[in-house]
Amino acid sequence: MIGVAVFHLALALGAPWGEASWGGSHAGVLPVNLRVAIGVSVFVDLLLAAVCAGYVARGGGRRVVLWMVAGYFALGAVLNALSPSVIERVIWTPVAVLLMLLVASGARRV
């Protein structure tokens, strides 16, 4: 998840990887509005990593939160699989599936 946050941060700072995000609709550097939006997602990525690492949502509610995070990644896998961007389908779909499986595995152990 930290790797995803780093990727999003790089996009927000102007890395020319637009074809690997937002459905591949913007080759090169993302427009400012999408860079701001993806910059916000860096904080979401880090919050999800903190939840999974056990720094947030301790106790009985943690299992519910982890299942919600697993669902978030499941949705991400579906959206990436349906993306018109080949890069998203080939790279981000498996990443989202792997993250979903890892988080679901952790949720089962809580």
PDB file of N, CA and C in Angstrom:
ATOM      1  N   MET A   1       0.815  -1.191   0.000  1.00  0.00           N
ATOM      2  CA  MET A   1       0.000   0.000   0.000  1.00  0.00           C
ATOM      3  C   MET A   1       0.862   1.259   0.000  1.00  0.00           C
ATOM      4  N   ILE A   2       2.003   1.156   0.628  1.00  0.00           N
ATOM      5  CA  ILE A   2       2.928   2.284   0.612  1.00  0.00           C
ATOM      6  C   ILE A   2       3.412   2.521  -0.827  1.00  0.00           C
ATOM      7  N   GLY A   3       3.632   1.453  -1.568  1.00  0.00           N
ATOM      8  CA  GLY A   3       4.035   1.584  -2.965  1.00  0.00           C
ATOM      9  C   GLY A   3       2.976   2.293  -3.798  1.00  0.00           C
ATOM     10  N   VAL A   4       1.717   1.996  -3.543  1.00  0.00           N
ATOM     11  CA  VAL A   4       0.628   2.671  -4.241  1.00  0.00           C
ATOM     12  C   VAL A   4       0.624   4.151  -3.870  1.00  0.00           C
ATOM     13  N   ALA A   5       0.842   4.446  -2.591  1.00  0.00           N
ATOM     14  CA  ALA A   5       0.892   5.844  -2.147  1.00  0.00           C
ATOM     15  C   ALA A   5       2.034   6.592  -2.829  1.00  0.00           C
ATOM     16  N   VAL A   6       3.184   5.948  -2.967  1.00  0.00           N
ATOM     17  CA  VAL A   6       4.327   6.575  -3.634  1.00  0.00           C
ATOM     18  C   VAL A   6       4.001   6.835  -5.109  1.00  0.00           C
ATOM     19  N   PHE A   7       3.368   5.887  -5.775  1.00  0.00           N
ATOM     20  CA  PHE A   7       2.953   6.067  -7.161  1.00  0.00           C
ATOM     21  C   PHE A   7       2.002   7.254  -7.284  1.00  0.00           C
ATOM     22  N   HIS A   8       1.011   7.317  -6.401  1.00  0.00           N
ATOM     23  CA  HIS A   8       0.057   8.424  -6.433  1.00  0.00           C
ATOM     24  C   HIS A   8       0.742   9.762  -6.146  1.00  0.00           C
ATOM     25  N   LEU A   9       1.668   9.769  -5.209  1.00  0.00           N
ATOM     26  CA  LEU A   9       2.400  11.000  -4.905  1.00  0.00           C
ATOM     27  C   LEU A   9       3.204  11.462  -6.121  1.00  0.00           C
ATOM     28  N   ALA A  10       3.847  10.520  -6.789  1.00  0.00           N
ATOM     29  CA  ALA A  10       4.617  10.866  -7.989  1.00  0.00           C
ATOM     30  C   ALA A  10       3.710  11.476  -9.058  1.00  0.00           C
ATOM     31  N   LEU A  11       2.525  10.899  -9.243  1.00  0.00           N
ATOM     32  CA  LEU A  11       1.568  11.460 -10.208  1.00  0.00           C
ATOM     33  C   LEU A  11       1.153  12.868  -9.798  1.00  0.00           C
ATOM     34  N   ALA A  12       0.882  13.054  -8.517  1.00  0.00           N
ATOM     35  CA  ALA A  12       0.460  14.369  -8.026  1.00  0.00           C
ATOM     36  C   ALA A  12       1.558  15.415  -8.223  1.00  0.00           C
ATOM     37  N   LEU A  13       2.807  14.974  -8.138  1.00  0.00           N
ATOM     38  CA  LEU A  13       3.937  15.896  -8.291  1.00  0.00           C
ATOM     39  C   LEU A  13       4.341  16.108  -9.750  1.00  0.00           C
ATOM     40  N   GLY A  14       3.660  15.410 -10.668  1.00  0.00           N
ATOM     41  CA  GLY A  14       3.895  15.660 -12.087  1.00  0.00           C
ATOM     42  C   GLY A  14       4.601  14.573 -12.872  1.00  0.00           C
ATOM     43  N   ALA A  15       4.711  13.377 -12.315  1.00  0.00           N
ATOM     44  CA  ALA A  15       5.301  12.278 -13.085  1.00  0.00           C
ATOM     45  C   ALA A  15       4.453  12.025 -14.338  1.00  0.00           C
ATOM     46  N   PRO A  16       5.079  11.736 -15.463  1.00  0.00           N
ATOM     47  CA  PRO A  16       4.346  11.583 -16.733  1.00  0.00           C
ATOM     48  C   PRO A  16       3.745  10.190 -16.927  1.00  0.00           C
ATOM     49  N   TRP A  17       3.019   9.734 -15.934  1.00  0.00           N
ATOM     50  CA  TRP A  17       2.459   8.382 -15.964  1.00  0.00           C
ATOM     51  C   TRP A  17       0.934   8.383 -16.051  1.00  0.00           C
ATOM     52  N   GLY A  18       0.372   9.401 -16.666  1.00  0.00           N
ATOM     53  CA  GLY A  18      -1.080   9.527 -16.738  1.00  0.00           C
ATOM     54  C   GLY A  18      -1.781   8.348 -17.384  1.00  0.00           C
ATOM     55  N   GLU A  19      -1.086   7.672 -18.294  1.00  0.00           N
ATOM     56  CA  GLU A  19      -1.710   6.514 -18.955  1.00  0.00           C
ATOM     57  C   GLU A  19      -1.938   5.348 -17.998  1.00  0.00           C
ATOM     58  N   ALA A  20      -1.291   5.386 -16.838  1.00  0.00           N
ATOM     59  CA  ALA A  20      -1.430   4.305 -15.858  1.00  0.00           C
ATOM     60  C   ALA A  20      -2.436   4.649 -14.761  1.00  0.00           C
ATOM     61  N   SER A  21      -3.213   5.704 -14.965  1.00  0.00           N
ATOM     62  CA  SER A  21      -4.202   6.091 -13.961  1.00  0.00           C
ATOM     63  C   SER A  21      -5.392   6.761 -14.638  1.00  0.00           C
ATOM     64  N   TRP A  22      -6.469   6.917 -13.895  1.00  0.00           N
ATOM     65  CA  TRP A  22      -7.679   7.595 -14.371  1.00  0.00           C
ATOM     66  C   TRP A  22      -8.149   7.050 -15.720  1.00  0.00           C
ATOM     67  N   GLY A  23      -8.072   5.757 -15.891  1.00  0.00           N
ATOM     68  CA  GLY A  23      -8.550   5.133 -17.115  1.00  0.00           C
ATOM     69  C   GLY A  23      -7.651   5.363 -18.315  1.00  0.00           C
ATOM     70  N   GLY A  24      -6.459   5.890 -18.064  1.00  0.00           N
ATOM     71  CA  GLY A  24      -5.519   6.128 -19.154  1.00  0.00           C
ATOM     72  C   GLY A  24      -5.917   7.250 -20.083  1.00  0.00           C
ATOM     73  N   SER A  25      -6.830   8.102 -19.623  1.00  0.00           N
ATOM     74  CA  SER A  25      -7.371   9.142 -20.497  1.00  0.00           C
ATOM     75  C   SER A  25      -6.435  10.329 -20.702  1.00  0.00           C
ATOM     76  N   HIS A  26      -5.356  10.395 -19.928  1.00  0.00           N
ATOM     77  CA  HIS A  26      -4.431  11.528 -20.043  1.00  0.00           C
ATOM     78  C   HIS A  26      -3.000  11.010 -20.156  1.00  0.00           C
ATOM     79  N   ALA A  27      -2.461  11.031 -21.367  1.00  0.00           N
ATOM     80  CA  ALA A  27      -1.067  10.623 -21.557  1.00  0.00           C
ATOM     81  C   ALA A  27      -0.160  11.682 -20.942  1.00  0.00           C
ATOM     82  N   GLY A  28       0.929  11.238 -20.374  1.00  0.00           N
ATOM     83  CA  GLY A  28       1.889  12.179 -19.786  1.00  0.00           C
ATOM     84  C   GLY A  28       1.447  12.664 -18.425  1.00  0.00           C
ATOM     85  N   VAL A  29       1.727  13.940 -18.155  1.00  0.00           N
ATOM     86  CA  VAL A  29       1.405  14.540 -16.861  1.00  0.00           C
ATOM     87  C   VAL A  29      -0.099  14.775 -16.768  1.00  0.00           C
ATOM     88  N   LEU A  30      -0.681  14.450 -15.615  1.00  0.00           N
ATOM     89  CA  LEU A  30      -2.111  14.662 -15.407  1.00  0.00           C
ATOM     90  C   LEU A  30      -2.424  16.151 -15.330  1.00  0.00           C
ATOM     91  N   PRO A  31      -3.654  16.547 -15.724  1.00  0.00           N
ATOM     92  CA  PRO A  31      -4.056  17.936 -15.532  1.00  0.00           C
ATOM     93  C   PRO A  31      -4.138  18.269 -14.036  1.00  0.00           C
ATOM     94  N   VAL A  32      -4.093  19.538 -13.717  1.00  0.00           N
ATOM     95  CA  VAL A  32      -4.012  19.979 -12.320  1.00  0.00           C
ATOM     96  C   VAL A  32      -5.146  19.423 -11.465  1.00  0.00           C
ATOM     97  N   ASN A  33      -6.380  19.429 -11.961  1.00  0.00           N
ATOM     98  CA  ASN A  33      -7.495  18.943 -11.142  1.00  0.00           C
ATOM     99  C   ASN A  33      -7.330  17.468 -10.769  1.00  0.00           C
ATOM    100  N   LEU A  34      -6.825  16.657 -11.688  1.00  0.00           N
ATOM    101  CA  LEU A  34      -6.610  15.239 -11.376  1.00  0.00           C
ATOM    102  C   LEU A  34      -5.388  15.054 -10.494  1.00  0.00           C
ATOM    103  N   ARG A  35      -4.399  15.918 -10.631  1.00  0.00           N
ATOM    104  CA  ARG A  35      -3.223  15.843  -9.758  1.00  0.00           C
ATOM    105  C   ARG A  35      -3.618  16.168  -8.318  1.00  0.00           C
ATOM    106  N   VAL A  36      -4.512  17.128  -8.137  1.00  0.00           N
ATOM    107  CA  VAL A  36      -4.998  17.453  -6.787  1.00  0.00           C
ATOM    108  C   VAL A  36      -5.786  16.271  -6.231  1.00  0.00           C
ATOM    109  N   ALA A  37      -6.670  15.707  -7.044  1.00  0.00           N
ATOM    110  CA  ALA A  37      -7.482  14.573  -6.591  1.00  0.00           C
ATOM    111  C   ALA A  37      -6.614  13.379  -6.222  1.00  0.00           C
ATOM    112  N   ILE A  38      -5.618  13.095  -7.024  1.00  0.00           N
ATOM    113  CA  ILE A  38      -4.767  11.946  -6.726  1.00  0.00           C
ATOM    114  C   ILE A  38      -3.853  12.247  -5.540  1.00  0.00           C
ATOM    115  N   GLY A  39      -3.559  13.533  -5.339  1.00  0.00           N
ATOM    116  CA  GLY A  39      -2.808  13.926  -4.143  1.00  0.00           C
ATOM    117  C   GLY A  39      -3.593  13.625  -2.877  1.00  0.00           C
ATOM    118  N   VAL A  40      -4.899  13.832  -2.913  1.00  0.00           N
ATOM    119  CA  VAL A  40      -5.759  13.496  -1.774  1.00  0.00           C
ATOM    120  C   VAL A  40      -5.745  11.987  -1.538  1.00  0.00           C
ATOM    121  N   SER A  41      -5.692  11.223  -2.617  1.00  0.00           N
ATOM    122  CA  SER A  41      -5.702   9.765  -2.472  1.00  0.00           C
ATOM    123  C   SER A  41      -4.448   9.245  -1.763  1.00  0.00           C
ATOM    124  N   VAL A  42      -3.364  10.018  -1.786  1.00  0.00           N
ATOM    125  CA  VAL A  42      -2.156   9.615  -1.054  1.00  0.00           C
ATOM    126  C   VAL A  42      -2.487   9.463   0.429  1.00  0.00           C
ATOM    127  N   PHE A  43      -3.266  10.396   0.957  1.00  0.00           N
ATOM    128  CA  PHE A  43      -3.649  10.319   2.370  1.00  0.00           C
ATOM    129  C   PHE A  43      -4.570   9.132   2.633  1.00  0.00           C
ATOM    130  N   VAL A  44      -5.456   8.830   1.686  1.00  0.00           N
ATOM    131  CA  VAL A  44      -6.318   7.645   1.814  1.00  0.00           C
ATOM    132  C   VAL A  44      -5.461   6.384   1.805  1.00  0.00           C
ATOM    133  N   ASP A  45      -4.501   6.312   0.893  1.00  0.00           N
ATOM    134  CA  ASP A  45      -3.599   5.157   0.817  1.00  0.00           C
ATOM    135  C   ASP A  45      -2.876   4.949   2.142  1.00  0.00           C
ATOM    136  N   LEU A  46      -2.360   6.033   2.708  1.00  0.00           N
ATOM    137  CA  LEU A  46      -1.614   5.932   3.969  1.00  0.00           C
ATOM    138  C   LEU A  46      -2.532   5.560   5.129  1.00  0.00           C
ATOM    139  N   LEU A  47      -3.762   6.057   5.124  1.00  0.00           N
ATOM    140  CA  LEU A  47      -4.728   5.681   6.162  1.00  0.00           C
ATOM    141  C   LEU A  47      -5.050   4.190   6.063  1.00  0.00           C
ATOM    142  N   LEU A  48      -5.256   3.686   4.848  1.00  0.00           N
ATOM    143  CA  LEU A  48      -5.539   2.259   4.673  1.00  0.00           C
ATOM    144  C   LEU A  48      -4.351   1.411   5.133  1.00  0.00           C
ATOM    145  N   ALA A  49      -3.146   1.870   4.839  1.00  0.00           N
ATOM    146  CA  ALA A  49      -1.956   1.147   5.301  1.00  0.00           C
ATOM    147  C   ALA A  49      -1.897   1.134   6.819  1.00  0.00           C
ATOM    148  N   ALA A  50      -2.231   2.257   7.442  1.00  0.00           N
ATOM    149  CA  ALA A  50      -2.223   2.331   8.913  1.00  0.00           C
ATOM    150  C   ALA A  50      -3.275   1.408   9.512  1.00  0.00           C
ATOM    151  N   VAL A  51      -4.440   1.329   8.891  1.00  0.00           N
ATOM    152  CA  VAL A  51      -5.490   0.419   9.367  1.00  0.00           C
ATOM    153  C   VAL A  51      -5.003  -1.019   9.295  1.00  0.00           C
ATOM    154  N   CYS A  52      -4.436  -1.388   8.162  1.00  0.00           N
ATOM    155  CA  CYS A  52      -3.984  -2.768   7.978  1.00  0.00           C
ATOM    156  C   CYS A  52      -2.821  -3.122   8.888  1.00  0.00           C
ATOM    157  N   ALA A  53      -1.997  -2.144   9.202  1.00  0.00           N
ATOM    158  CA  ALA A  53      -0.857  -2.393  10.093  1.00  0.00           C
ATOM    159  C   ALA A  53      -1.284  -2.418  11.558  1.00  0.00           C
ATOM    160  N   GLY A  54      -2.525  -2.049  11.835  1.00  0.00           N
ATOM    161  CA  GLY A  54      -3.023  -2.103  13.203  1.00  0.00           C
ATOM    162  C   GLY A  54      -2.834  -0.823  13.985  1.00  0.00           C
ATOM    163  N   TYR A  55      -2.441   0.253  13.325  1.00  0.00           N
ATOM    164  CA  TYR A  55      -2.266   1.530  14.013  1.00  0.00           C
ATOM    165  C   TYR A  55      -3.577   2.281  14.194  1.00  0.00           C
ATOM    166  N   VAL A  56      -4.582   1.928  13.395  1.00  0.00           N
ATOM    167  CA  VAL A  56      -5.891   2.567  13.440  1.00  0.00           C
ATOM    168  C   VAL A  56      -6.925   1.458  13.562  1.00  0.00           C
ATOM    169  N   ALA A  57      -8.020   1.734  14.243  1.00  0.00           N
ATOM    170  CA  ALA A  57      -9.140   0.791  14.360  1.00  0.00           C
ATOM    171  C   ALA A  57      -8.739  -0.491  15.075  1.00  0.00           C
ATOM    172  N   ARG A  58      -8.236  -0.323  16.263  1.00  0.00           N
ATOM    173  CA  ARG A  58      -7.913  -1.502  17.072  1.00  0.00           C
ATOM    174  C   ARG A  58      -9.169  -2.041  17.735  1.00  0.00           C
ATOM    175  N   GLY A  59      -9.055  -3.224  18.260  1.00  0.00           N
ATOM    176  CA  GLY A  59     -10.165  -3.823  18.979  1.00  0.00           C
ATOM    177  C   GLY A  59     -11.142  -4.530  18.066  1.00  0.00           C
ATOM    178  N   GLY A  60     -12.367  -4.720  18.578  1.00  0.00           N
ATOM    179  CA  GLY A  60     -13.377  -5.496  17.867  1.00  0.00           C
ATOM    180  C   GLY A  60     -13.798  -4.912  16.537  1.00  0.00           C
ATOM    181  N   GLY A  61     -13.743  -3.591  16.391  1.00  0.00           N
ATOM    182  CA  GLY A  61     -14.151  -2.973  15.138  1.00  0.00           C
ATOM    183  C   GLY A  61     -13.138  -3.126  14.025  1.00  0.00           C
ATOM    184  N   ARG A  62     -11.943  -3.559  14.368  1.00  0.00           N
ATOM    185  CA  ARG A  62     -10.890  -3.664  13.355  1.00  0.00           C
ATOM    186  C   ARG A  62     -11.252  -4.673  12.263  1.00  0.00           C
ATOM    187  N   ARG A  63     -11.863  -5.779  12.653  1.00  0.00           N
ATOM    188  CA  ARG A  63     -12.238  -6.790  11.651  1.00  0.00           C
ATOM    189  C   ARG A  63     -13.202  -6.202  10.623  1.00  0.00           C
ATOM    190  N   VAL A  64     -14.183  -5.460  11.100  1.00  0.00           N
ATOM    191  CA  VAL A  64     -15.152  -4.840  10.189  1.00  0.00           C
ATOM    192  C   VAL A  64     -14.448  -3.865   9.260  1.00  0.00           C
ATOM    193  N   VAL A  65     -13.564  -3.060   9.818  1.00  0.00           N
ATOM    194  CA  VAL A  65     -12.833  -2.084   9.011  1.00  0.00           C
ATOM    195  C   VAL A  65     -11.967  -2.799   7.973  1.00  0.00           C
ATOM    196  N   LEU A  66     -11.297  -3.878   8.368  1.00  0.00           N
ATOM    197  CA  LEU A  66     -10.463  -4.614   7.420  1.00  0.00           C
ATOM    198  C   LEU A  66     -11.297  -5.218   6.293  1.00  0.00           C
ATOM    199  N   TRP A  67     -12.477  -5.731   6.611  1.00  0.00           N
ATOM    200  CA  TRP A  67     -13.336  -6.259   5.546  1.00  0.00           C
ATOM    201  C   TRP A  67     -13.789  -5.141   4.615  1.00  0.00           C
ATOM    202  N   MET A  68     -14.017  -3.957   5.160  1.00  0.00           N
ATOM    203  CA  MET A  68     -14.381  -2.822   4.314  1.00  0.00           C
ATOM    204  C   MET A  68     -13.213  -2.443   3.399  1.00  0.00           C
ATOM    205  N   VAL A  69     -11.999  -2.477   3.925  1.00  0.00           N
ATOM    206  CA  VAL A  69     -10.814  -2.184   3.112  1.00  0.00           C
ATOM    207  C   VAL A  69     -10.657  -3.249   2.026  1.00  0.00           C
ATOM    208  N   ALA A  70     -10.872  -4.506   2.382  1.00  0.00           N
ATOM    209  CA  ALA A  70     -10.806  -5.581   1.377  1.00  0.00           C
ATOM    210  C   ALA A  70     -11.848  -5.342   0.280  1.00  0.00           C
ATOM    211  N   GLY A  71     -13.029  -4.897   0.662  1.00  0.00           N
ATOM    212  CA  GLY A  71     -14.063  -4.571  -0.322  1.00  0.00           C
ATOM    213  C   GLY A  71     -13.666  -3.409  -1.215  1.00  0.00           C
ATOM    214  N   TYR A  72     -12.989  -2.428  -0.626  1.00  0.00           N
ATOM    215  CA  TYR A  72     -12.475  -1.286  -1.388  1.00  0.00           C
ATOM    216  C   TYR A  72     -11.506  -1.766  -2.465  1.00  0.00           C
ATOM    217  N   PHE A  73     -10.612  -2.686  -2.098  1.00  0.00           N
ATOM    218  CA  PHE A  73      -9.661  -3.208  -3.077  1.00  0.00           C
ATOM    219  C   PHE A  73     -10.341  -4.120  -4.093  1.00  0.00           C
ATOM    220  N   ALA A  74     -11.381  -4.836  -3.685  1.00  0.00           N
ATOM    221  CA  ALA A  74     -12.140  -5.660  -4.636  1.00  0.00           C
ATOM    222  C   ALA A  74     -12.791  -4.761  -5.692  1.00  0.00           C
ATOM    223  N   LEU A  75     -13.381  -3.664  -5.248  1.00  0.00           N
ATOM    224  CA  LEU A  75     -13.969  -2.710  -6.185  1.00  0.00           C
ATOM    225  C   LEU A  75     -12.892  -2.141  -7.107  1.00  0.00           C
ATOM    226  N   GLY A  76     -11.739  -1.815  -6.537  1.00  0.00           N
ATOM    227  CA  GLY A  76     -10.627  -1.321  -7.351  1.00  0.00           C
ATOM    228  C   GLY A  76     -10.193  -2.329  -8.402  1.00  0.00           C
ATOM    229  N   ALA A  77     -10.188  -3.609  -8.036  1.00  0.00           N
ATOM    230  CA  ALA A  77      -9.808  -4.652  -8.989  1.00  0.00           C
ATOM    231  C   ALA A  77     -10.797  -4.701 -10.150  1.00  0.00           C
ATOM    232  N   VAL A  78     -12.079  -4.623  -9.839  1.00  0.00           N
ATOM    233  CA  VAL A  78     -13.097  -4.655 -10.893  1.00  0.00           C
ATOM    234  C   VAL A  78     -12.962  -3.432 -11.801  1.00  0.00           C
ATOM    235  N   LEU A  79     -12.825  -2.256 -11.197  1.00  0.00           N
ATOM    236  CA  LEU A  79     -12.717  -1.035 -12.007  1.00  0.00           C
ATOM    237  C   LEU A  79     -11.461  -1.039 -12.873  1.00  0.00           C
ATOM    238  N   ASN A  80     -10.356  -1.517 -12.325  1.00  0.00           N
ATOM    239  CA  ASN A  80      -9.128  -1.603 -13.124  1.00  0.00           C
ATOM    240  C   ASN A  80      -9.263  -2.628 -14.236  1.00  0.00           C
ATOM    241  N   ALA A  81      -9.945  -3.735 -13.959  1.00  0.00           N
ATOM    242  CA  ALA A  81     -10.142  -4.759 -14.990  1.00  0.00           C
ATOM    243  C   ALA A  81     -11.005  -4.234 -16.137  1.00  0.00           C
ATOM    244  N   LEU A  82     -11.899  -3.305 -15.844  1.00  0.00           N
ATOM    245  CA  LEU A  82     -12.785  -2.736 -16.864  1.00  0.00           C
ATOM    246  C   LEU A  82     -12.201  -1.488 -17.526  1.00  0.00           C
ATOM    247  N   SER A  83     -11.047  -1.056 -17.078  1.00  0.00           N
ATOM    248  CA  SER A  83     -10.439   0.177 -17.576  1.00  0.00           C
ATOM    249  C   SER A  83     -10.069   0.070 -19.054  1.00  0.00           C
ATOM    250  N   PRO A  84     -10.215   1.167 -19.799  1.00  0.00           N
ATOM    251  CA  PRO A  84      -9.738   1.168 -21.183  1.00  0.00           C
ATOM    252  C   PRO A  84      -8.208   1.193 -21.261  1.00  0.00           C
ATOM    253  N   SER A  85      -7.553   1.481 -20.151  1.00  0.00           N
ATOM    254  CA  SER A  85      -6.094   1.543 -20.125  1.00  0.00           C
ATOM    255  C   SER A  85      -5.498   0.146 -19.975  1.00  0.00           C
ATOM    256  N   VAL A  86      -4.691  -0.251 -20.939  1.00  0.00           N
ATOM    257  CA  VAL A  86      -4.030  -1.555 -20.880  1.00  0.00           C
ATOM    258  C   VAL A  86      -3.121  -1.635 -19.652  1.00  0.00           C
ATOM    259  N   ILE A  87      -2.435  -0.535 -19.350  1.00  0.00           N
ATOM    260  CA  ILE A  87      -1.533  -0.525 -18.192  1.00  0.00           C
ATOM    261  C   ILE A  87      -2.313  -0.788 -16.911  1.00  0.00           C
ATOM    262  N   GLU A  88      -3.452  -0.159 -16.752  1.00  0.00           N
ATOM    263  CA  GLU A  88      -4.261  -0.394 -15.549  1.00  0.00           C
ATOM    264  C   GLU A  88      -4.734  -1.838 -15.484  1.00  0.00           C
ATOM    265  N   ARG A  89      -5.158  -2.369 -16.612  1.00  0.00           N
ATOM    266  CA  ARG A  89      -5.642  -3.757 -16.612  1.00  0.00           C
ATOM    267  C   ARG A  89      -4.521  -4.733 -16.279  1.00  0.00           C
ATOM    268  N   VAL A  90      -3.341  -4.511 -16.841  1.00  0.00           N
ATOM    269  CA  VAL A  90      -2.245  -5.462 -16.688  1.00  0.00           C
ATOM    270  C   VAL A  90      -1.523  -5.319 -15.346  1.00  0.00           C
ATOM    271  N   ILE A  91      -1.335  -4.084 -14.886  1.00  0.00           N
ATOM    272  CA  ILE A  91      -0.573  -3.873 -13.646  1.00  0.00           C
ATOM    273  C   ILE A  91      -1.479  -3.710 -12.434  1.00  0.00           C
ATOM    274  N   TRP A  92      -2.437  -2.788 -12.511  1.00  0.00           N
ATOM    275  CA  TRP A  92      -3.193  -2.436 -11.307  1.00  0.00           C
ATOM    276  C   TRP A  92      -4.281  -3.434 -10.939  1.00  0.00           C
ATOM    277  N   THR A  93      -4.823  -4.170 -11.898  1.00  0.00           N
ATOM    278  CA  THR A  93      -5.800  -5.199 -11.532  1.00  0.00           C
ATOM    279  C   THR A  93      -5.164  -6.264 -10.635  1.00  0.00           C
ATOM    280  N   PRO A  94      -4.017  -6.845 -11.018  1.00  0.00           N
ATOM    281  CA  PRO A  94      -3.398  -7.831 -10.124  1.00  0.00           C
ATOM    282  C   PRO A  94      -2.962  -7.235  -8.782  1.00  0.00           C
ATOM    283  N   VAL A  95      -2.495  -5.987  -8.791  1.00  0.00           N
ATOM    284  CA  VAL A  95      -2.107  -5.353  -7.520  1.00  0.00           C
ATOM    285  C   VAL A  95      -3.317  -5.237  -6.606  1.00  0.00           C
ATOM    286  N   ALA A  96      -4.446  -4.786  -7.147  1.00  0.00           N
ATOM    287  CA  ALA A  96      -5.655  -4.647  -6.334  1.00  0.00           C
ATOM    288  C   ALA A  96      -6.148  -5.999  -5.829  1.00  0.00           C
ATOM    289  N   VAL A  97      -6.074  -7.024  -6.669  1.00  0.00           N
ATOM    290  CA  VAL A  97      -6.488  -8.370  -6.243  1.00  0.00           C
ATOM    291  C   VAL A  97      -5.577  -8.864  -5.119  1.00  0.00           C
ATOM    292  N   LEU A  98      -4.279  -8.680  -5.279  1.00  0.00           N
ATOM    293  CA  LEU A  98      -3.328  -9.100  -4.241  1.00  0.00           C
ATOM    294  C   LEU A  98      -3.592  -8.365  -2.929  1.00  0.00           C
ATOM    295  N   LEU A  99      -3.789  -7.061  -2.990  1.00  0.00           N
ATOM    296  CA  LEU A  99      -4.072  -6.306  -1.770  1.00  0.00           C
ATOM    297  C   LEU A  99      -5.386  -6.771  -1.134  1.00  0.00           C
ATOM    298  N   MET A 100      -6.402  -7.029  -1.952  1.00  0.00           N
ATOM    299  CA  MET A 100      -7.669  -7.528  -1.423  1.00  0.00           C
ATOM    300  C   MET A 100      -7.472  -8.852  -0.684  1.00  0.00           C
ATOM    301  N   LEU A 101      -6.720  -9.764  -1.300  1.00  0.00           N
ATOM    302  CA  LEU A 101      -6.487 -11.067  -0.674  1.00  0.00           C
ATOM    303  C   LEU A 101      -5.689 -10.942   0.621  1.00  0.00           C
ATOM    304  N   LEU A 102      -4.682 -10.083   0.624  1.00  0.00           N
ATOM    305  CA  LEU A 102      -3.869  -9.897   1.830  1.00  0.00           C
ATOM    306  C   LEU A 102      -4.689  -9.291   2.968  1.00  0.00           C
ATOM    307  N   VAL A 103      -5.480  -8.282   2.649  1.00  0.00           N
ATOM    308  CA  VAL A 103      -6.292  -7.643   3.686  1.00  0.00           C
ATOM    309  C   VAL A 103      -7.386  -8.599   4.178  1.00  0.00           C
ATOM    310  N   ALA A 104      -8.012  -9.338   3.265  1.00  0.00           N
ATOM    311  CA  ALA A 104      -9.032 -10.315   3.685  1.00  0.00           C
ATOM    312  C   ALA A 104      -8.423 -11.386   4.561  1.00  0.00           C
ATOM    313  N   SER A 105      -7.213 -11.813   4.232  1.00  0.00           N
ATOM    314  CA  SER A 105      -6.524 -12.800   5.061  1.00  0.00           C
ATOM    315  C   SER A 105      -6.282 -12.242   6.464  1.00  0.00           C
ATOM    316  N   GLY A 106      -5.866 -10.977   6.526  1.00  0.00           N
ATOM    317  CA  GLY A 106      -5.665 -10.351   7.836  1.00  0.00           C
ATOM    318  C   GLY A 106      -6.975 -10.210   8.598  1.00  0.00           C
ATOM    319  N   ALA A 107      -8.053  -9.897   7.889  1.00  0.00           N
ATOM    320  CA  ALA A 107      -9.359  -9.750   8.551  1.00  0.00           C
ATOM    321  C   ALA A 107      -9.827 -11.064   9.146  1.00  0.00           C
ATOM    322  N   ARG A 108      -9.520 -12.149   8.497  1.00  0.00           N
ATOM    323  CA  ARG A 108      -9.922 -13.465   9.012  1.00  0.00           C
ATOM    324  C   ARG A 108      -9.168 -13.825  10.280  1.00  0.00           C
ATOM    325  N   ARG A 109      -7.981 -13.247  10.454  1.00  0.00           N
ATOM    326  CA  ARG A 109      -7.145 -13.581  11.618  1.00  0.00           C
ATOM    327  C   ARG A 109      -7.432 -12.703  12.828  1.00  0.00           C
ATOM    328  N   VAL A 110      -8.154 -11.613  12.622  1.00  0.00           N
ATOM    329  CA  VAL A 110      -8.412 -10.686  13.746  1.00  0.00           C
ATOM    330  C   VAL A 110      -9.450 -11.263  14.668  1.00  0.00           C
TER     331      VAL A 110
END
